[in-house]
Structures are given as structure tokens and as C-alpha cells.
Amino acid sequence: MILTISGKLENTNSEHGAQFDLNMLLALQQTVINTNTPWTKGMTKFEGPTLKELLKHVGAIPEEVMATALNGYRIKLPIVDINNYPMIIALKRDDEVLSVRTKGPIWVIYPWSENPEIRDNLYYTRSIWQLQQLDIN
């Protein structure tokens, strides 16, 4: 399993909440974001389900989403971001499945190139890579 979602969920598949492996996440509707990031060179193609669609899939209507990375980094993902921007949990970068070495297996990506108002450090800090856990409150 590469992602666990816990907390206030309607749909679970384990005692820990909803757990997903890569194929389960790839089976969800995929969205492509072509954007520039501070961590990649030039326009980069990212692909994965939107965070909004993923939360809908597990039956979550969150007030707050806390994201945790493999290294323990934690950041709150505001609901307003999830509702206003088609941010994705990227599983692929330039058609290649993400690995831990390439900031995977999951990397939260915002559509920065389409939304200049979010091209700043506040939003960059929310682009958590090596995502492993979402806690829904």
C-alpha cells in the first residue's frame, strides 16, 4: 500500500481507513497537469487523480486534510485549495511512474502555470512529495 486515508470516511477497506496501492489509484479517473515547478526543469506533465475526486471516492467531506510524507513532514491542505484548484496526487511525471527517488510514489501538484496567483512559497510548501498518509478531520 502506498497511501492510507484515515479519519472521517464513509468508504473504508481496512481497519486503518482506506488504503490504496498504485494500481488502485491508477484505476481512478486521471487528470493531467502540465506545469512548471521549482523542482523540475521546464514544463512538466504530471498525472493522477484530483484530490477532490479521491476524497469523494472515500466518502470524505473534510473540514481539514492533514498530509504526511514518508520522512514525517506534515502540512495542512486547505479545503479552499481542494475546491478551487484541480490539484492532483501525481502518480506519474512525464509518463513515468514516480519513485521515492523522483519525489514519489505520490506528489501533490497544483496547476501553477494556469494560476499565477498561487506561484509562491505558501503553495509550494503544500506540494508535499513522498505522500503516504491523509488524515481527514
Protein backbone atom coordinates (compact mmCIF):
# COMPACT_ATOMS: atom_id res chain seq x y z
CA MET A 1 0.00 0.00 0.00
CA ILE A 2 1.32 3.44 -0.87
CA LEU A 3 -1.43 5.67 0.57
CA THR A 4 -3.59 5.46 3.67
CA ILE A 5 -6.53 7.79 4.23
CA SER A 6 -7.89 7.85 7.76
CA GLY A 7 -10.39 9.84 9.80
CA LYS A 8 -13.93 10.81 8.81
CA LEU A 9 -14.60 8.45 5.87
CA GLU A 10 -17.71 6.71 4.60
CA ASN A 11 -15.84 4.13 2.50
CA THR A 12 -13.01 2.11 4.04
CA ASN A 13 -11.26 -1.12 3.14
CA SER A 14 -9.15 -1.73 6.25
CA GLU A 15 -9.12 -1.15 9.98
CA HIS A 16 -6.86 1.85 9.27
CA GLY A 17 -9.33 3.56 6.91
CA ALA A 18 -8.92 3.45 3.15
CA GLN A 19 -5.67 2.00 1.82
CA PHE A 20 -4.53 2.20 -1.78
CA ASP A 21 -1.83 0.56 -3.83
CA LEU A 22 -0.59 2.08 -7.07
CA ASN A 23 -2.98 0.12 -9.30
CA MET A 24 -5.98 1.14 -7.20
CA LEU A 25 -5.02 4.81 -7.56
CA LEU A 26 -4.34 4.41 -11.28
CA ALA A 27 -7.84 2.92 -11.68
CA LEU A 28 -9.37 6.22 -10.55
CA GLN A 29 -10.08 8.94 -13.12
CA GLN A 30 -6.72 10.52 -14.02
CA THR A 31 -6.14 14.23 -14.58
CA VAL A 32 -3.15 15.72 -16.37
CA ILE A 33 -1.48 18.93 -15.21
CA ASN A 34 1.21 20.47 -17.39
CA THR A 35 3.07 22.98 -15.26
CA ASN A 36 6.39 24.45 -14.22
CA THR A 37 7.60 23.74 -10.69
CA PRO A 38 10.55 24.98 -8.64
CA TRP A 39 11.84 21.37 -8.57
CA THR A 40 11.69 20.43 -12.26
CA LYS A 41 13.14 21.89 -15.45
CA GLY A 42 10.72 23.41 -17.93
CA MET A 43 7.11 22.41 -18.47
CA THR A 44 6.44 19.05 -16.83
CA LYS A 45 3.50 16.70 -17.30
CA PHE A 46 2.01 15.25 -14.09
CA GLU A 47 -0.81 12.73 -13.96
CA GLY A 48 -3.02 11.37 -11.19
CA PRO A 49 -6.47 11.69 -9.64
CA THR A 50 -7.57 15.05 -8.29
CA LEU A 51 -7.52 15.26 -4.54
CA LYS A 52 -11.17 16.33 -4.68
CA GLU A 53 -12.11 13.15 -6.61
CA LEU A 54 -10.07 10.96 -4.26
CA LEU A 55 -11.84 12.41 -1.20
CA LYS A 56 -15.19 11.89 -2.91
CA HIS A 57 -14.22 8.26 -3.64
CA VAL A 58 -13.66 7.55 0.07
CA GLY A 59 -16.78 9.45 1.11
CA ALA A 60 -14.95 12.22 2.93
CA ILE A 61 -16.40 15.68 3.47
CA PRO A 62 -13.46 17.19 5.30
CA GLU A 63 -13.07 20.33 7.29
CA GLU A 64 -9.34 19.74 7.23
CA VAL A 65 -6.89 17.45 5.43
CA MET A 66 -3.52 16.80 7.04
CA ALA A 67 -0.93 15.28 4.69
CA THR A 68 2.11 13.32 5.90
CA ALA A 69 5.18 12.33 3.88
CA LEU A 70 7.47 9.33 4.25
CA ASN A 71 10.01 11.48 6.13
CA GLY A 72 7.40 12.73 8.64
CA TYR A 73 6.86 16.14 7.00
CA ARG A 74 3.27 17.25 7.67
CA ILE A 75 1.25 20.03 6.10
CA LYS A 76 -2.40 21.04 6.17
CA LEU A 77 -4.06 21.11 2.75
CA PRO A 78 -6.82 23.75 2.93
CA ILE A 79 -10.26 22.75 1.71
CA VAL A 80 -10.44 26.00 -0.26
CA ASP A 81 -7.43 24.84 -2.31
CA ILE A 82 -9.00 21.43 -2.92
CA ASN A 83 -12.25 23.06 -4.06
CA ASN A 84 -10.74 25.92 -6.09
CA TYR A 85 -7.83 24.23 -7.89
CA PRO A 86 -7.72 20.84 -9.62
CA MET A 87 -4.71 19.78 -7.54
CA ILE A 88 -3.74 16.18 -8.08
CA ILE A 89 -1.96 13.43 -6.26
CA ALA A 90 0.54 12.83 -9.04
CA LEU A 91 1.49 9.23 -9.68
CA LYS A 92 3.36 9.91 -12.93
CA ARG A 93 5.76 12.56 -14.17
CA ASP A 94 6.30 12.80 -17.92
CA ASP A 95 4.54 9.42 -18.31
CA GLU A 96 6.88 7.65 -15.85
CA VAL A 97 5.58 6.26 -12.56
CA LEU A 98 7.07 8.25 -9.68
CA SER A 99 9.53 6.53 -7.36
CA VAL A 100 10.84 7.65 -3.99
CA ARG A 101 13.91 8.95 -5.83
CA THR A 102 11.67 11.12 -8.07
CA LYS A 103 9.58 12.51 -5.18
CA GLY A 104 7.04 9.69 -5.34
CA PRO A 105 5.30 7.44 -5.11
CA ILE A 106 2.81 10.30 -4.68
CA TRP A 107 3.39 14.03 -5.11
CA VAL A 108 0.70 16.70 -4.55
CA ILE A 109 0.79 19.03 -7.56
CA TYR A 110 -1.05 22.32 -8.05
CA PRO A 111 -1.76 23.77 -11.52
CA TRP A 112 0.73 26.63 -11.06
CA SER A 113 1.16 27.54 -14.72
CA GLU A 114 -2.58 28.09 -15.13
CA ASN A 115 -2.94 30.01 -11.84
CA PRO A 116 -0.23 32.67 -11.35
CA GLU A 117 -1.79 33.75 -8.04
CA ILE A 118 -0.60 30.50 -6.42
CA ARG A 119 3.01 30.68 -7.62
CA ASP A 120 4.53 31.43 -4.23
CA ASN A 121 6.17 29.73 -1.28
CA LEU A 122 2.90 29.27 0.62
CA TYR A 123 1.55 26.97 -2.10
CA TYR A 124 4.92 25.39 -2.84
CA THR A 125 5.14 24.20 0.80
CA ARG A 126 1.78 22.45 0.31
CA SER A 127 3.15 20.47 -2.64
CA ILE A 128 4.11 17.56 -0.41
CA TRP A 129 6.09 14.79 -2.07
CA GLN A 130 6.53 11.18 -0.96
CA LEU A 131 2.97 11.44 0.39
CA GLN A 132 1.91 8.39 2.39
CA GLN A 133 -0.99 9.48 4.63
CA LEU A 134 -4.02 11.77 4.54
CA ASP A 135 -5.89 12.38 7.79
CA ILE A 136 -9.42 13.68 7.35
CA ASN A 137 -11.00 15.78 10.11
